[in-house]
Each structure stands twice: as C-alpha cells, then as structure tokens.
Protein backbone atom coordinates (compact mmCIF):
# COMPACT_ATOMS: atom_id res chain seq x y z
CA MET A 1 -0.13 -0.20 0.06
CA LYS A 2 2.87 2.29 0.87
CA LYS A 3 4.73 1.48 -2.34
CA TRP A 4 1.54 2.37 -4.50
CA ILE A 5 1.24 5.60 -2.78
CA PHE A 6 4.85 6.58 -3.40
CA MET A 7 4.67 5.67 -7.07
CA ALA A 8 1.58 8.02 -7.33
CA ALA A 9 3.30 10.60 -5.74
CA ALA A 10 6.63 10.78 -7.94
CA THR A 11 4.10 10.51 -10.91
CA ALA A 12 2.31 13.57 -10.01
CA ILE A 13 5.75 15.26 -9.45
CA ILE A 14 7.00 14.43 -12.88
CA ALA A 15 3.55 15.50 -14.62
CA ILE A 16 3.91 19.04 -12.64
CA ALA A 17 7.49 19.65 -13.41
CA ALA A 18 6.55 18.68 -17.21
CA MET A 19 3.81 21.37 -17.01
CA VAL A 20 6.09 23.79 -15.65
CA TYR A 21 8.68 23.35 -18.06
CA LEU A 22 6.23 23.65 -20.88
CA LEU A 23 4.41 26.91 -19.54
CA SER A 24 7.96 28.36 -18.83
CA GLY A 25 8.84 27.91 -22.66
CA GLY A 26 11.59 25.56 -22.05
CA GLY A 27 10.72 23.08 -24.63
CA LYS A 28 10.67 26.01 -27.18
CA ASP A 29 13.77 26.54 -29.72
CA ASP A 30 14.36 30.51 -29.52
CA SER A 31 17.10 30.45 -32.24
CA ILE A 32 16.19 32.83 -35.11
CA SER A 33 15.74 31.63 -38.88
CA ALA A 34 18.10 32.37 -41.78
CA ALA A 35 15.28 34.77 -42.96
CA GLN A 36 15.42 36.68 -39.84
CA ALA A 37 18.95 36.71 -39.83
CA GLY A 38 18.83 38.48 -43.22
CA GLU A 39 16.03 40.96 -42.08
CA ALA A 40 18.50 41.83 -39.05
CA VAL A 41 21.04 42.79 -41.33
CA ILE A 42 18.92 44.85 -43.83
CA SER A 43 17.36 46.68 -41.16
CA GLN A 44 20.79 47.92 -39.97
CA TYR A 45 22.66 48.45 -43.24
CA GLY A 46 20.30 48.36 -46.10
CA GLY A 47 20.80 46.39 -49.25
CA VAL A 48 19.70 43.24 -50.83
CA ILE A 49 20.41 39.79 -49.53
CA GLU A 50 22.42 37.67 -51.89
CA GLU A 51 23.04 34.51 -49.60
CA THR A 52 22.64 33.08 -46.17
CA ALA A 53 24.57 30.36 -44.78
CA LEU A 54 24.72 28.92 -40.99
CA THR A 55 28.48 28.03 -39.69
CA GLY A 56 28.06 26.51 -36.22
CA GLU A 57 26.14 29.30 -34.40
CA ILE A 58 26.78 32.17 -36.74
CA TYR A 59 24.82 32.83 -39.74
CA GLU A 60 27.03 34.41 -42.50
CA VAL A 61 24.73 36.86 -44.44
CA GLY A 62 25.95 38.02 -47.97
CA PHE A 63 24.49 41.39 -48.98
CA THR A 64 25.03 44.03 -51.58
CA ARG A 65 24.63 47.70 -51.45
CA GLU A 66 25.37 50.65 -53.95
CA ASP A 67 29.06 50.81 -52.40
CA GLY A 68 29.95 47.17 -52.71
CA LYS A 69 29.33 43.77 -51.58
CA TYR A 70 29.55 42.73 -47.82
CA LYS A 71 29.27 39.83 -45.30
CA ALA A 72 27.82 40.16 -42.09
CA GLY A 73 27.80 37.72 -39.14
CA VAL A 74 24.64 37.14 -37.26
CA ASP A 75 24.31 35.33 -33.79
CA ARG A 76 21.90 32.61 -34.32
CA SER A 77 20.76 32.51 -30.49
CA THR A 78 20.19 36.35 -30.17
CA GLY A 79 19.84 37.79 -33.53
CA ARG A 80 22.45 40.20 -32.94
CA VAL A 81 24.55 41.43 -35.83
CA LEU A 82 28.15 40.59 -34.71
CA SER A 83 30.48 41.90 -37.44
CA VAL A 84 30.21 43.44 -41.02
CA GLU A 85 33.00 43.26 -43.65
CA LEU A 86 33.39 44.65 -47.21
CA ILE A 87 34.11 41.98 -49.52
CA GLU A 88 34.26 43.81 -52.89
CA LYS A 89 34.16 47.64 -53.43
CA ALA A 90 31.86 48.79 -56.35
CA SER A 91 33.78 50.02 -59.32
CA GLU A 92 33.15 54.09 -60.14
CA PRO A 93 30.80 54.39 -62.72
CA VAL A 94 32.64 55.77 -66.11
CA PRO A 95 31.00 59.26 -66.77
CA GLU A 96 29.76 59.44 -70.52
CA LYS A 97 31.84 61.53 -72.97
CA LEU A 98 30.20 64.49 -74.57
CA THR A 99 30.13 64.46 -78.42
CA GLU A 100 31.89 66.94 -80.48
CA ASP A 101 28.64 68.52 -81.60
CA GLU A 102 27.43 68.81 -77.76
CA ALA A 103 30.87 70.44 -76.64
CA LYS A 104 30.56 72.99 -79.36
CA ALA A 105 27.06 73.90 -78.44
CA ILE A 106 28.16 74.36 -74.82
CA ALA A 107 31.30 76.62 -76.28
CA VAL A 108 29.05 78.80 -78.38
CA LYS A 109 26.60 79.11 -75.48
CA GLU A 110 29.32 80.52 -73.12
CA ALA A 111 31.57 82.69 -75.33
CA GLY A 112 29.11 83.18 -78.46
CA GLY A 113 30.51 83.66 -81.95
CA VAL A 114 30.57 80.53 -84.31
CA ALA A 115 32.40 77.22 -83.41
CA GLY A 116 35.33 76.40 -85.75
CA ALA A 117 37.97 73.45 -84.93
CA ILE A 118 37.64 71.26 -81.95
CA ARG A 119 40.32 69.07 -80.41
CA TYR A 120 40.00 66.32 -77.85
CA ALA A 121 42.88 66.54 -75.11
CA GLU A 122 42.64 62.71 -73.67
CA GLU A 123 44.98 63.47 -70.55
CA ALA A 124 43.08 66.28 -69.43
CA ASN A 125 39.64 64.86 -70.66
CA GLU A 126 38.36 67.99 -72.14
CA TYR A 127 37.66 69.33 -75.48
CA GLU A 128 39.35 72.50 -76.91
CA VAL A 129 36.75 74.39 -79.24
CA ASP A 130 38.02 77.32 -81.46
CA ILE A 131 35.27 80.18 -81.30
CA THR A 132 35.42 82.93 -83.93
CA GLU A 133 33.49 86.23 -83.42
CA GLY A 134 34.28 88.91 -86.00
CA SER A 135 37.94 89.58 -85.92
CA THR A 136 38.39 88.06 -82.31
CA LYS A 137 39.45 84.18 -81.87
CA LYS A 138 39.04 82.50 -78.74
CA THR A 139 39.65 78.74 -77.60
CA VAL A 140 36.80 77.40 -75.02
CA PHE A 141 38.01 74.47 -72.66
CA VAL A 142 35.18 72.22 -72.19
CA ALA A 143 35.43 69.29 -69.61
CA ALA A 144 34.38 65.98 -71.73
CA ASP A 145 32.43 64.40 -68.76
CA SER A 146 30.54 67.16 -66.99
CA GLY A 147 30.30 69.98 -69.85
CA ASP A 148 31.76 72.38 -67.45
CA ILE A 149 33.81 75.48 -68.83
CA ARG A 150 37.22 75.27 -67.49
CA LYS A 151 38.62 78.06 -69.33
CA ILE A 152 38.53 80.38 -72.21
CA THR A 153 41.61 82.07 -73.88
CA ASP A 154 41.78 84.66 -76.39
CA VAL A 155 44.26 83.88 -79.41
CA ALA A 156 45.74 86.47 -81.19
CA ALA A 157 44.47 86.83 -84.69
CA GLU A 158 46.88 85.30 -87.15
CA MET A 159 47.96 87.80 -89.64
CA PRO A 160 48.72 86.51 -93.19
CA GLU A 161 52.36 86.43 -93.69
CA PRO A 162 53.31 89.28 -95.82
CA GLU A 163 54.25 88.33 -99.60
CA PRO A 164 57.92 88.72 -100.38
CA ALA A 165 58.48 92.07 -102.08
CA PRO A 166 59.37 91.43 -105.77
CA GLU A 167 62.84 91.91 -106.73
CA PRO A 168 63.43 95.20 -108.33
CA GLU A 169 63.44 95.21 -112.15
CA PRO A 170 66.82 96.37 -113.57
CA VAL A 171 66.57 99.52 -115.47
CA LEU A 172 68.30 97.79 -118.44
CA SER A 173 66.63 94.09 -119.94
CA GLN A 174 68.70 91.47 -120.47
CA GLN A 175 68.39 92.01 -124.31
CA GLU A 176 69.53 95.70 -123.76
CA ALA A 177 72.63 94.60 -121.76
CA ILE A 178 73.42 91.94 -124.26
CA ALA A 179 73.43 94.47 -126.98
CA ILE A 180 75.75 96.77 -125.13
CA ALA A 181 77.96 93.71 -124.41
CA LYS A 182 78.35 92.88 -128.14
CA GLU A 183 80.04 96.11 -128.86
CA THR A 184 83.16 94.61 -126.90
CA LEU A 185 82.73 91.34 -128.81
CA ASP A 186 80.06 90.43 -131.40
CA GLY A 187 79.45 86.65 -130.92
CA GLU A 188 77.23 83.98 -129.77
CA VAL A 189 76.17 84.51 -126.19
CA GLN A 190 76.88 81.60 -124.06
CA GLU A 191 75.60 82.54 -120.53
CA VAL A 192 74.11 85.80 -119.16
CA GLU A 193 74.12 86.00 -115.09
CA PHE A 194 72.16 88.97 -113.33
CA THR A 195 73.68 89.75 -109.97
CA GLU A 196 72.12 92.16 -107.38
CA THR A 197 74.03 94.77 -105.43
CA THR A 198 73.17 97.95 -103.83
CA ASP A 199 73.65 100.07 -106.50
CA GLY A 200 71.42 98.45 -109.03
CA GLY A 201 73.15 95.17 -109.95
CA TYR A 202 74.99 94.18 -112.96
CA TYR A 203 74.86 91.54 -115.87
CA LEU A 204 77.59 89.23 -116.39
CA ILE A 205 77.64 88.22 -120.26
CA GLU A 206 79.83 85.49 -121.71
CA ILE A 207 80.38 85.75 -125.71
CA GLU A 208 82.35 83.69 -127.74
CA ASN A 209 83.34 84.45 -131.61
CA GLU A 210 84.73 81.23 -133.19
CA GLU A 211 85.89 83.06 -136.24
CA LEU A 212 88.01 85.26 -134.22
CA ASP A 213 88.82 82.32 -131.76
CA LYS A 214 87.95 84.82 -129.06
CA GLU A 215 85.91 84.60 -125.90
CA ALA A 216 85.05 87.03 -123.27
CA THR A 217 83.00 88.06 -120.02
CA VAL A 218 81.61 91.42 -120.03
CA GLN A 219 80.15 93.03 -117.07
CA ILE A 220 77.35 95.64 -117.73
CA HIS A 221 76.10 98.12 -115.06
CA ALA A 222 72.19 97.29 -114.93
CA ILE A 223 71.16 100.95 -114.66
CA ARG A 224 73.84 102.91 -115.96
CA GLY A 225 74.57 100.35 -118.98
CA GLU A 226 78.16 101.02 -118.91
CA THR A 227 80.45 98.60 -119.21
CA MET A 228 82.32 97.84 -115.88
CA THR A 229 84.82 95.11 -116.72
CA VAL A 230 86.01 92.72 -119.53
CA GLU A 231 87.69 89.43 -118.98
CA TRP A 232 89.09 87.77 -121.95
CA ASP A 233 89.42 84.06 -122.04
CA ASP A 234 92.36 82.73 -124.09
C-alpha cells in the first residue's frame, strides 16, 4: 500500500514538473531563422540579401549595397549582428563623354560666336573648341564628362605672312645688256647672269666668237648701262 502511494506521488511530481517546463517555454527553440538573420542585417545596413549560410551558431549573410558587396555575421541564438565586412568595393561608374557637337554647342552658348575646329585632349579629358566672332578668336576648354567650362583664352589673330617684295626690275633688260656687251665682242652668247647689288646690280655676259677664236665675259651695269669690266679667255 505504501509502495503504491509512493509511485503515485512520484508520477504527480513528474507531471507537474513537465507542465511547469512547458509553461515556462523550456521546450521552445529561441534560435532565429536564416530569413530573420537577413532581416536583422538589412534593417541596420540596407541593401539586398544575396545568400545566407549557417556556420556553427553564426549566420553568414552576404548582401549587396550600391557601394559594394558585404558579409555580415549574425548570432543565431540572439539575432545580434556581430560583424560586417566589405568583400568587394563597387567600381566607380565611368561618366559618359560628350560628343563633339555637344561640346561645340556648350562653347558657343558660353562664348558666343561661331564654333570652328575642335580638339580632344585625352590626358585632361577636355575639348578645346575654337570660337570666332568677328576679328576675335577664342579657345574654349570644355570638360568632356561634365560639360563644365574650364577656361577661355583669347587667341591672337593670325596675320597673313606678308608676301616677299618682288625683286626690283633692273633698268636694263637682259637683251639691252647683251646688245651693249656685243659692242665689245660680237658673237654667240653662251651665258647671262644677273647679280643684284645695292647700286642696282650688273650683268655678266659670256660671248664667244669662233671666227675670231675669242671669248670674253663682259660686265654691264644694270642701271647705267656702262661696261664695267671685260675678261678675255685665251
């Protein structure tokens, strides 16, 4: 009889203990899910979840933001974000480059006039636009990415190079000089050369007479028409 009473009492105690355990939540798993781990990260840091993996008691949450890719560690039991690590930084977006027509339009709007030649300076990433307005010429430097005007410089007007002054015509023509030279020796003219000097220049006329077997070089002044020298060749 006593043994039966003892067993009944033990059973009651175990039942009460089990009920207390269940009521106190002792049978419930408080660990967070992978989705909850991701929500904890995004709520603090923003971005988009890429993947979530459980390693031991830590969720490793991979997520992406505009500035790069990250990995966060979340405690499975508490849901607390333990760490955040930058895995890959986002590359800087490459700005679009203005077209030549767009650069010219910007330059004309800023400086007025008419756009002429345009050059692209790769190192400075800018356009150099020549602008002409009347007799004024300017170069407008336009940033190729933003379209900002970096500077405007005045360019001196290019004056046409003066044409060389024509050589002064000698008073005597070549034929007149030959006629004078033939007064010294009549014959066949072999060569005529004109040399300019400060006092008007002179002709050197080489004449050969085969019948007389004579050859002479006669120097005739181009203005005065006088015979300056005669050089005979044997």
